[in-house]
């Protein structure tokens, strides 16, 4: 598995100069995406809608709205 590119603005471009808040999105070589975010699995697991599920090896991570909005232009349509 290899990271091909960052999707959206870097944490520094979004104002994180201390490294304390660095959500990020990366495109992987196989076309999937990797997300760095805050693990909120325990807080949100019970809030998932009835038609959503999480496998034991999956976590619910939260990224800032700004991270996703600024990544929008870099997300491919297909």
C-alpha atoms as a PDB file:
ATOM      1  CA  UNK A   1       0.000   0.000   0.000  1.00  0.00           C
ATOM      2  CA  UNK A   2       1.391   3.372  -0.983  1.00  0.00           C
ATOM      3  CA  UNK A   3       0.226   6.978  -0.645  1.00  0.00           C
ATOM      4  CA  UNK A   4       0.054   8.607  -4.058  1.00  0.00           C
ATOM      5  CA  UNK A   5      -1.005  12.142  -3.144  1.00  0.00           C
ATOM      6  CA  UNK A   6      -2.659  14.398  -0.599  1.00  0.00           C
ATOM      7  CA  UNK A   7      -6.256  15.325  -1.301  1.00  0.00           C
ATOM      8  CA  UNK A   8      -6.884  18.982  -0.503  1.00  0.00           C
ATOM      9  CA  UNK A   9      -4.846  21.485   1.451  1.00  0.00           C
ATOM     10  CA  UNK A  10      -2.132  20.416   3.867  1.00  0.00           C
ATOM     11  CA  UNK A  11      -2.696  20.921   7.601  1.00  0.00           C
ATOM     12  CA  UNK A  12      -0.179  23.799   7.495  1.00  0.00           C
ATOM     13  CA  UNK A  13      -2.149  25.470   4.679  1.00  0.00           C
ATOM     14  CA  UNK A  14      -5.260  25.137   6.862  1.00  0.00           C
ATOM     15  CA  UNK A  15      -3.509  26.906   9.737  1.00  0.00           C
ATOM     16  CA  UNK A  16      -2.128  24.028  11.819  1.00  0.00           C
ATOM     17  CA  UNK A  17       1.381  25.171  12.634  1.00  0.00           C
ATOM     18  CA  UNK A  18       1.734  23.308  15.936  1.00  0.00           C
ATOM     19  CA  UNK A  19       0.961  19.801  14.679  1.00  0.00           C
ATOM     20  CA  UNK A  20      -1.755  19.463  17.311  1.00  0.00           C
ATOM     21  CA  UNK A  21      -4.626  19.238  14.809  1.00  0.00           C
ATOM     22  CA  UNK A  22      -3.691  17.597  11.559  1.00  0.00           C
ATOM     23  CA  UNK A  23      -6.655  15.862   9.908  1.00  0.00           C
ATOM     24  CA  UNK A  24      -5.662  14.826   6.400  1.00  0.00           C
ATOM     25  CA  UNK A  25      -6.875  12.847   3.378  1.00  0.00           C
ATOM     26  CA  UNK A  26      -4.653  10.827   1.034  1.00  0.00           C
ATOM     27  CA  UNK A  27      -5.289   8.914  -2.184  1.00  0.00           C
ATOM     28  CA  UNK A  28      -3.702   5.472  -2.195  1.00  0.00           C
ATOM     29  CA  UNK A  29      -2.083   3.651  -5.081  1.00  0.00           C
ATOM     30  CA  UNK A  30      -5.040   1.240  -5.324  1.00  0.00           C
ATOM     31  CA  UNK A  31      -7.518   4.136  -5.666  1.00  0.00           C
ATOM     32  CA  UNK A  32      -8.783   3.988  -2.072  1.00  0.00           C
ATOM     33  CA  UNK A  33      -8.427   6.840   0.400  1.00  0.00           C
ATOM     34  CA  UNK A  34      -6.764   7.034   3.810  1.00  0.00           C
ATOM     35  CA  UNK A  35      -7.966   9.543   6.399  1.00  0.00           C
ATOM     36  CA  UNK A  36      -6.189  10.907   9.450  1.00  0.00           C
ATOM     37  CA  UNK A  37      -8.795  12.028  11.929  1.00  0.00           C
ATOM     38  CA  UNK A  38      -9.837  11.850  15.538  1.00  0.00           C
ATOM     39  CA  UNK A  39     -11.083   8.425  16.622  1.00  0.00           C
ATOM     40  CA  UNK A  40     -14.676   8.932  17.763  1.00  0.00           C
ATOM     41  CA  UNK A  41     -15.831   5.324  17.470  1.00  0.00           C
ATOM     42  CA  UNK A  42     -17.031   5.012  21.058  1.00  0.00           C
ATOM     43  CA  UNK A  43     -18.977   8.275  20.934  1.00  0.00           C
ATOM     44  CA  UNK A  44     -20.616   7.702  17.538  1.00  0.00           C
ATOM     45  CA  UNK A  45     -21.030   3.916  17.233  1.00  0.00           C
ATOM     46  CA  UNK A  46     -24.480   3.924  18.857  1.00  0.00           C
ATOM     47  CA  UNK A  47     -25.494   6.892  16.680  1.00  0.00           C
ATOM     48  CA  UNK A  48     -25.050   5.039  13.386  1.00  0.00           C
ATOM     49  CA  UNK A  49     -28.279   4.697  11.396  1.00  0.00           C
ATOM     50  CA  UNK A  50     -29.915   1.265  11.277  1.00  0.00           C
ATOM     51  CA  UNK A  51     -28.649   0.644   7.727  1.00  0.00           C
ATOM     52  CA  UNK A  52     -25.005   1.402   8.630  1.00  0.00           C
ATOM     53  CA  UNK A  53     -22.527  -1.013  10.163  1.00  0.00           C
ATOM     54  CA  UNK A  54     -18.916  -1.027  11.312  1.00  0.00           C
ATOM     55  CA  UNK A  55     -16.685  -4.087  11.203  1.00  0.00           C
ATOM     56  CA  UNK A  56     -14.461  -4.882  14.179  1.00  0.00           C
ATOM     57  CA  UNK A  57     -11.395  -3.633  12.296  1.00  0.00           C
ATOM     58  CA  UNK A  58     -13.054  -0.327  11.289  1.00  0.00           C
ATOM     59  CA  UNK A  59     -13.051   2.925  13.258  1.00  0.00           C
ATOM     60  CA  UNK A  60     -15.204   6.030  12.993  1.00  0.00           C
ATOM     61  CA  UNK A  61     -12.916   9.005  12.508  1.00  0.00           C
ATOM     62  CA  UNK A  62     -13.858  12.663  12.453  1.00  0.00           C
ATOM     63  CA  UNK A  63     -12.187  15.274  10.274  1.00  0.00           C
ATOM     64  CA  UNK A  64     -12.923  18.969  10.249  1.00  0.00           C
ATOM     65  CA  UNK A  65     -15.422  20.373   7.808  1.00  0.00           C
ATOM     66  CA  UNK A  66     -12.657  22.585   6.380  1.00  0.00           C
ATOM     67  CA  UNK A  67     -10.507  19.523   5.646  1.00  0.00           C
ATOM     68  CA  UNK A  68     -13.220  17.890   3.534  1.00  0.00           C
ATOM     69  CA  UNK A  69     -14.444  21.092   1.871  1.00  0.00           C
ATOM     70  CA  UNK A  70     -10.922  22.034   0.826  1.00  0.00           C
ATOM     71  CA  UNK A  71     -10.367  18.503  -0.500  1.00  0.00           C
ATOM     72  CA  UNK A  72     -13.505  18.579  -2.652  1.00  0.00           C
ATOM     73  CA  UNK A  73     -11.750  19.995  -5.744  1.00  0.00           C
ATOM     74  CA  UNK A  74      -9.132  17.203  -5.620  1.00  0.00           C
ATOM     75  CA  UNK A  75     -11.561  14.282  -5.263  1.00  0.00           C
ATOM     76  CA  UNK A  76     -11.929  12.537  -8.619  1.00  0.00           C
ATOM     77  CA  UNK A  77     -15.412  12.035 -10.107  1.00  0.00           C
ATOM     78  CA  UNK A  78     -14.647   8.429 -10.993  1.00  0.00           C
END
